[in-house]
Every structure is written in C-alpha cells, then in structure tokens.
Amino acid sequence: MTLPLSFFVLIAGTPGGSESGFEILLNRSGINSIDLPRETVTAEPGTSLRLRLLNRGAPIHITLTSSNADMYTDFYHENLYVVDESLLTIPIRKDCREGTFDFDIISGYGVMKAQLQVHIAHLPVMRPAILEEYPLQPVSHGRPHLLMIMMGIALILYCAWLYTYNEVLNIASFIILIVGALYTWYRQQ
C-alpha cells in the first residue's frame, strides 16, 4: 500500500529528536536525491544519534562518511543499500565537548552529495517546579508557646502532688494540661 506523497511530507517535517531519529528522504524529489531534515540535528554526549533513511523510489546505494567526527564518535564510514527504510545508529562519546561535525551522504556512486551538520550539545534538563511547603512543626517566634508553659506548670504541680499527696494539686495539673491542649487546638488556623 502506498500512501499519498503529502502524507510523507508531513512525516518528514516533524521534528525527529533523539527518540525516533532524524529522517533523511532518498529519491523523493528526483533520482538519487537526498533530502535532509529541516530541523537542526542535535545529539547529547553519551547518547546515540539515530538517522532514519527513508527511500521513496527504486532501491539505492548510499555512502555515509564523517571525516571530522573523531572527537565525538567512532563512526567513520558506512555503505548501505536502502530498499525501503534503514536505521543507522551512531553512538556519541560520553566524554566529548560541545561542537559540530559533518556527515557526507553520497548517492548514485558520487553523482549526488549532501552534507548534514550534527551539533553536539548538552541539553538543559527541565527540573520540576518546587512547590513551597509549609512546615509541619510550629515556627518559633522568640517566646515560649502557651501550651509548653502550661505543660511545665502541670508537671510541677504533678510532681508536688507525688511528694505531698494533696489531691488538689493532681486535679489542678490535669485541668491546666487540658486547658492548654484545648486552647492550642482551637487557636489553629
């Protein structure tokens, strides 16, 4: 099944990116023609550059060379016979710097030649926005919290009850502790 040419033009116009690859169309506008992607071909160090070679005509022999890519990749030369579609994966070195190198694509045994410039760049990492979180503990304002003061008074009254066995001190410490907890509970916003 062959789809209309306009559908293939739409596919070729979409940005490839490193996930799906950059598309190079062969035999689309003429015999042995090479149509390069319109977007900038970029790769990140430590990843792979993927070139999808799509043939729109008769099977074709092509040669891919990169004479100035020694700093970026071990790829140098490849001869391919493309019937319909072929995928060429070129590993990029991890320790390379940012820069550019050229790919020469030759078809028709030297009749047609196209040069593809590849940019090596560290792509910025999108970091998620940090939402401001409220602290789980109360923030100190320089004076003791009322609940802490009431707990201290209740502790002193309870210790006094342990030594004297006066029931009024035990009841007072319990009431002060409950009042401090209720005050703090209902004062929350």
C-alpha atoms as a PDB file:
ATOM      1  CA  MET A   1       0.000   0.000   0.000  1.00  0.00           C
ATOM      2  CA  THR A   2       1.427   3.357  -0.959  1.00  0.00           C
ATOM      3  CA  LEU A   3       0.210   6.471   0.754  1.00  0.00           C
ATOM      4  CA  PRO A   4      -0.047   9.853  -0.947  1.00  0.00           C
ATOM      5  CA  LEU A   5       3.099  11.957  -1.129  1.00  0.00           C
ATOM      6  CA  SER A   6       1.611  14.721   1.025  1.00  0.00           C
ATOM      7  CA  PHE A   7       1.375  12.348   3.998  1.00  0.00           C
ATOM      8  CA  PHE A   8       5.089  11.541   3.715  1.00  0.00           C
ATOM      9  CA  VAL A   9       5.937  15.228   3.516  1.00  0.00           C
ATOM     10  CA  LEU A  10       4.089  15.734   6.797  1.00  0.00           C
ATOM     11  CA  ILE A  11       6.069  12.928   8.401  1.00  0.00           C
ATOM     12  CA  ALA A  12       9.361  14.350   7.184  1.00  0.00           C
ATOM     13  CA  GLY A  13       8.508  17.801   8.518  1.00  0.00           C
ATOM     14  CA  THR A  14       8.031  16.695  12.104  1.00  0.00           C
ATOM     15  CA  PRO A  15      10.984  17.043  14.448  1.00  0.00           C
ATOM     16  CA  GLY A  16      12.730  13.743  14.893  1.00  0.00           C
ATOM     17  CA  GLY A  17      14.570  14.141  18.151  1.00  0.00           C
ATOM     18  CA  SER A  18      16.840  11.516  19.586  1.00  0.00           C
ATOM     19  CA  GLU A  19      13.965   9.100  20.415  1.00  0.00           C
ATOM     20  CA  SER A  20      12.592   8.433  16.926  1.00  0.00           C
ATOM     21  CA  GLY A  21      15.563   9.645  14.874  1.00  0.00           C
ATOM     22  CA  PHE A  22      16.071  12.259  12.227  1.00  0.00           C
ATOM     23  CA  GLU A  23      14.632  11.395   8.823  1.00  0.00           C
ATOM     24  CA  ILE A  24      16.612  11.622   5.594  1.00  0.00           C
ATOM     25  CA  LEU A  25      14.482  11.109   2.476  1.00  0.00           C
ATOM     26  CA  LEU A  26      16.044   9.414  -0.539  1.00  0.00           C
ATOM     27  CA  ASN A  27      14.678   9.505  -4.127  1.00  0.00           C
ATOM     28  CA  ARG A  28      11.822  11.819  -3.112  1.00  0.00           C
ATOM     29  CA  SER A  29      12.398  14.833  -5.353  1.00  0.00           C
ATOM     30  CA  GLY A  30      14.315  13.018  -8.101  1.00  0.00           C
ATOM     31  CA  ILE A  31      16.549  10.075  -8.935  1.00  0.00           C
ATOM     32  CA  ASN A  32      19.353   9.735  -6.338  1.00  0.00           C
ATOM     33  CA  SER A  33      18.123  12.853  -4.488  1.00  0.00           C
ATOM     34  CA  ILE A  34      18.904  13.357  -0.814  1.00  0.00           C
ATOM     35  CA  ASP A  35      16.525  15.488   1.258  1.00  0.00           C
ATOM     36  CA  LEU A  36      17.946  16.375   4.673  1.00  0.00           C
ATOM     37  CA  PRO A  37      15.853  17.208   7.756  1.00  0.00           C
ATOM     38  CA  ARG A  38      14.912  20.866   8.116  1.00  0.00           C
ATOM     39  CA  GLU A  39      15.386  20.954  11.867  1.00  0.00           C
ATOM     40  CA  THR A  40      18.786  21.214  13.486  1.00  0.00           C
ATOM     41  CA  VAL A  41      20.267  17.771  14.044  1.00  0.00           C
ATOM     42  CA  THR A  42      21.460  17.629  17.640  1.00  0.00           C
ATOM     43  CA  ALA A  43      22.747  14.887  19.881  1.00  0.00           C
ATOM     44  CA  GLU A  44      23.741  14.768  23.510  1.00  0.00           C
ATOM     45  CA  PRO A  45      27.029  13.259  24.729  1.00  0.00           C
ATOM     46  CA  GLY A  46      26.577   9.676  25.901  1.00  0.00           C
ATOM     47  CA  THR A  47      23.513   9.035  23.713  1.00  0.00           C
ATOM     48  CA  SER A  48      23.058   7.772  20.171  1.00  0.00           C
ATOM     49  CA  LEU A  49      22.278   9.724  17.021  1.00  0.00           C
ATOM     50  CA  ARG A  50      19.600   7.908  15.047  1.00  0.00           C
ATOM     51  CA  LEU A  51      19.253   8.545  11.324  1.00  0.00           C
ATOM     52  CA  ARG A  52      16.248   7.035   9.572  1.00  0.00           C
ATOM     53  CA  LEU A  53      16.878   6.690   5.853  1.00  0.00           C
ATOM     54  CA  LEU A  54      13.542   6.530   4.008  1.00  0.00           C
ATOM     55  CA  ASN A  55      13.601   5.570   0.331  1.00  0.00           C
ATOM     56  CA  ARG A  56      10.718   6.828  -1.825  1.00  0.00           C
ATOM     57  CA  GLY A  57      11.854   5.281  -5.109  1.00  0.00           C
ATOM     58  CA  ALA A  58      13.936   2.446  -6.502  1.00  0.00           C
ATOM     59  CA  PRO A  59      16.478   0.765  -4.201  1.00  0.00           C
ATOM     60  CA  ILE A  60      19.588   2.894  -3.818  1.00  0.00           C
ATOM     61  CA  HIS A  61      23.214   2.582  -2.730  1.00  0.00           C
ATOM     62  CA  ILE A  62      24.392   5.337  -0.392  1.00  0.00           C
ATOM     63  CA  THR A  63      27.627   6.067   1.390  1.00  0.00           C
ATOM     64  CA  LEU A  64      27.799   7.886   4.723  1.00  0.00           C
ATOM     65  CA  THR A  65      31.122   9.287   5.907  1.00  0.00           C
ATOM     66  CA  SER A  66      32.198  11.585   8.691  1.00  0.00           C
ATOM     67  CA  SER A  67      35.803  12.649   8.339  1.00  0.00           C
ATOM     68  CA  ASN A  68      35.856  15.236  11.160  1.00  0.00           C
ATOM     69  CA  ALA A  69      33.930  13.323  13.851  1.00  0.00           C
ATOM     70  CA  ASP A  70      36.855  11.711  15.702  1.00  0.00           C
ATOM     71  CA  MET A  71      36.271  13.794  18.849  1.00  0.00           C
ATOM     72  CA  TYR A  72      32.575  12.865  19.033  1.00  0.00           C
ATOM     73  CA  THR A  73      32.131   9.306  17.741  1.00  0.00           C
ATOM     74  CA  ASP A  74      33.952   6.225  16.480  1.00  0.00           C
ATOM     75  CA  PHE A  75      31.827   6.172  13.317  1.00  0.00           C
ATOM     76  CA  TYR A  76      33.770   6.856  10.120  1.00  0.00           C
ATOM     77  CA  HIS A  77      32.242   5.183   7.067  1.00  0.00           C
ATOM     78  CA  GLU A  78      29.204   3.097   6.119  1.00  0.00           C
ATOM     79  CA  ASN A  79      27.888   1.758   2.788  1.00  0.00           C
ATOM     80  CA  LEU A  80      24.177   0.970   2.737  1.00  0.00           C
ATOM     81  CA  TYR A  81      21.746  -0.477   0.239  1.00  0.00           C
ATOM     82  CA  VAL A  82      18.373   1.029   1.105  1.00  0.00           C
ATOM     83  CA  VAL A  83      15.308  -0.687  -0.302  1.00  0.00           C
ATOM     84  CA  ASP A  84      12.531   0.932   1.757  1.00  0.00           C
ATOM     85  CA  GLU A  85      13.823   2.088   5.113  1.00  0.00           C
ATOM     86  CA  SER A  86      17.020   1.754   7.091  1.00  0.00           C
ATOM     87  CA  LEU A  87      18.036   2.899  10.558  1.00  0.00           C
ATOM     88  CA  LEU A  88      21.601   3.992  11.275  1.00  0.00           C
ATOM     89  CA  THR A  89      22.511   4.399  14.966  1.00  0.00           C
ATOM     90  CA  ILE A  90      25.698   6.307  15.720  1.00  0.00           C
ATOM     91  CA  PRO A  91      26.931   6.269  19.333  1.00  0.00           C
ATOM     92  CA  ILE A  92      28.194   9.600  20.698  1.00  0.00           C
ATOM     93  CA  ARG A  93      31.039   9.528  23.207  1.00  0.00           C
ATOM     94  CA  LYS A  94      30.302  10.436  26.824  1.00  0.00           C
ATOM     95  CA  ASP A  95      33.426  12.492  27.373  1.00  0.00           C
ATOM     96  CA  CYS A  96      33.164  14.772  24.337  1.00  0.00           C
ATOM     97  CA  ARG A  97      32.741  18.530  24.422  1.00  0.00           C
ATOM     98  CA  GLU A  98      30.100  20.570  22.662  1.00  0.00           C
ATOM     99  CA  GLY A  99      30.719  21.224  18.987  1.00  0.00           C
ATOM    100  CA  THR A 100      29.753  20.155  15.478  1.00  0.00           C
ATOM    101  CA  PHE A 101      30.782  17.600  12.884  1.00  0.00           C
ATOM    102  CA  ASP A 102      29.696  16.893   9.318  1.00  0.00           C
ATOM    103  CA  PHE A 103      28.096  13.860   7.709  1.00  0.00           C
ATOM    104  CA  ASP A 104      28.588  13.438   3.994  1.00  0.00           C
ATOM    105  CA  ILE A 105      25.854  11.432   2.306  1.00  0.00           C
ATOM    106  CA  ILE A 106      26.667  10.292  -1.232  1.00  0.00           C
ATOM    107  CA  SER A 107      24.235   8.566  -3.586  1.00  0.00           C
ATOM    108  CA  GLY A 108      24.335   7.451  -7.207  1.00  0.00           C
ATOM    109  CA  TYR A 109      28.001   6.423  -6.964  1.00  0.00           C
ATOM    110  CA  GLY A 110      29.139  10.009  -6.402  1.00  0.00           C
ATOM    111  CA  VAL A 111      26.569  11.825  -8.540  1.00  0.00           C
ATOM    112  CA  MET A 112      24.663  13.423  -5.636  1.00  0.00           C
ATOM    113  CA  LYS A 113      26.193  14.598  -2.369  1.00  0.00           C
ATOM    114  CA  ALA A 114      24.621  16.225   0.691  1.00  0.00           C
ATOM    115  CA  GLN A 115      26.256  17.387   3.872  1.00  0.00           C
ATOM    116  CA  LEU A 116      24.475  17.118   7.210  1.00  0.00           C
ATOM    117  CA  GLN A 117      25.857  19.115  10.122  1.00  0.00           C
ATOM    118  CA  VAL A 118      25.396  17.497  13.545  1.00  0.00           C
ATOM    119  CA  HIS A 119      25.523  19.638  16.681  1.00  0.00           C
ATOM    120  CA  ILE A 120      26.672  18.042  19.926  1.00  0.00           C
ATOM    121  CA  ALA A 121      25.252  19.907  22.904  1.00  0.00           C
ATOM    122  CA  HIS A 122      24.315  19.288  26.496  1.00  0.00           C
ATOM    123  CA  LEU A 123      20.547  19.660  26.506  1.00  0.00           C
ATOM    124  CA  PRO A 124      19.147  21.532  29.500  1.00  0.00           C
ATOM    125  CA  VAL A 125      17.355  19.316  31.978  1.00  0.00           C
ATOM    126  CA  MET A 126      13.899  20.542  32.846  1.00  0.00           C
ATOM    127  CA  ARG A 127      13.587  20.447  36.597  1.00  0.00           C
ATOM    128  CA  PRO A 128      10.160  20.293  38.154  1.00  0.00           C
ATOM    129  CA  ALA A 129       8.961  23.407  39.889  1.00  0.00           C
ATOM    130  CA  ILE A 130       9.375  23.199  43.643  1.00  0.00           C
ATOM    131  CA  LEU A 131       6.187  23.908  45.485  1.00  0.00           C
ATOM    132  CA  GLU A 132       6.559  25.777  48.739  1.00  0.00           C
ATOM    133  CA  GLU A 133       5.577  23.535  51.596  1.00  0.00           C
ATOM    134  CA  TYR A 134       4.523  24.710  54.992  1.00  0.00           C
ATOM    135  CA  PRO A 135       6.488  23.332  57.927  1.00  0.00           C
ATOM    136  CA  LEU A 136       4.905  20.542  59.915  1.00  0.00           C
ATOM    137  CA  GLN A 137       6.088  21.988  63.220  1.00  0.00           C
ATOM    138  CA  PRO A 138       5.180  25.421  64.525  1.00  0.00           C
ATOM    139  CA  VAL A 139       7.607  28.204  63.768  1.00  0.00           C
ATOM    140  CA  SER A 140       9.354  29.734  66.756  1.00  0.00           C
ATOM    141  CA  HIS A 141       8.597  33.420  67.302  1.00  0.00           C
ATOM    142  CA  GLY A 142      11.065  34.050  70.118  1.00  0.00           C
ATOM    143  CA  ARG A 143       8.689  33.465  73.040  1.00  0.00           C
ATOM    144  CA  PRO A 144       7.584  30.136  74.541  1.00  0.00           C
ATOM    145  CA  HIS A 145       4.363  28.655  73.289  1.00  0.00           C
ATOM    146  CA  LEU A 146       1.449  28.784  75.746  1.00  0.00           C
ATOM    147  CA  LEU A 147       0.987  25.005  75.635  1.00  0.00           C
ATOM    148  CA  MET A 148       4.619  24.476  76.659  1.00  0.00           C
ATOM    149  CA  ILE A 149       4.205  26.887  79.593  1.00  0.00           C
ATOM    150  CA  MET A 150       1.023  25.118  80.745  1.00  0.00           C
ATOM    151  CA  MET A 151       2.693  21.690  80.402  1.00  0.00           C
ATOM    152  CA  GLY A 152       5.571  22.932  82.574  1.00  0.00           C
ATOM    153  CA  ILE A 153       3.178  24.232  85.250  1.00  0.00           C
ATOM    154  CA  ALA A 154       1.188  20.945  85.124  1.00  0.00           C
ATOM    155  CA  LEU A 155       4.413  18.941  85.513  1.00  0.00           C
ATOM    156  CA  ILE A 156       5.473  20.981  88.550  1.00  0.00           C
ATOM    157  CA  LEU A 157       2.017  20.571  90.150  1.00  0.00           C
ATOM    158  CA  TYR A 158       2.010  16.822  89.433  1.00  0.00           C
ATOM    159  CA  CYS A 159       5.497  16.380  90.976  1.00  0.00           C
ATOM    160  CA  ALA A 160       4.315  18.353  94.014  1.00  0.00           C
ATOM    161  CA  TRP A 161       1.310  16.005  94.314  1.00  0.00           C
ATOM    162  CA  LEU A 162       3.651  12.965  94.231  1.00  0.00           C
ATOM    163  CA  TYR A 163       5.510  14.310  97.290  1.00  0.00           C
ATOM    164  CA  THR A 164       2.571  15.722  99.258  1.00  0.00           C
ATOM    165  CA  TYR A 165      -0.384  13.517  98.193  1.00  0.00           C
ATOM    166  CA  ASN A 166      -2.589  16.624  98.098  1.00  0.00           C
ATOM    167  CA  GLU A 167      -5.420  15.768  95.630  1.00  0.00           C
ATOM    168  CA  VAL A 168      -5.980  19.440  94.720  1.00  0.00           C
ATOM    169  CA  LEU A 169      -2.532  19.589  93.073  1.00  0.00           C
ATOM    170  CA  ASN A 170      -3.274  16.472  90.967  1.00  0.00           C
ATOM    171  CA  ILE A 171      -6.647  17.846  89.793  1.00  0.00           C
ATOM    172  CA  ALA A 172      -5.134  21.296  89.099  1.00  0.00           C
ATOM    173  CA  SER A 173      -2.311  19.795  86.988  1.00  0.00           C
ATOM    174  CA  PHE A 174      -4.836  17.748  84.986  1.00  0.00           C
ATOM    175  CA  ILE A 175      -7.125  20.778  84.386  1.00  0.00           C
ATOM    176  CA  ILE A 176      -4.182  23.025  83.363  1.00  0.00           C
ATOM    177  CA  LEU A 177      -2.975  20.390  80.882  1.00  0.00           C
ATOM    178  CA  ILE A 178      -6.458  20.003  79.327  1.00  0.00           C
ATOM    179  CA  VAL A 179      -6.986  23.801  79.107  1.00  0.00           C
ATOM    180  CA  GLY A 180      -3.587  24.241  77.373  1.00  0.00           C
ATOM    181  CA  ALA A 181      -4.348  21.479  74.848  1.00  0.00           C
ATOM    182  CA  LEU A 182      -7.846  22.856  74.096  1.00  0.00           C
ATOM    183  CA  TYR A 183      -6.503  26.413  73.759  1.00  0.00           C
ATOM    184  CA  THR A 184      -3.850  25.259  71.286  1.00  0.00           C
ATOM    185  CA  TRP A 185      -6.342  23.110  69.382  1.00  0.00           C
ATOM    186  CA  TYR A 186      -8.909  25.876  68.872  1.00  0.00           C
ATOM    187  CA  ARG A 187      -6.303  28.552  68.157  1.00  0.00           C
ATOM    188  CA  GLN A 188      -5.097  26.778  64.973  1.00  0.00           C
ATOM    189  CA  GLN A 189      -5.973  28.415  61.679  1.00  0.00           C
END
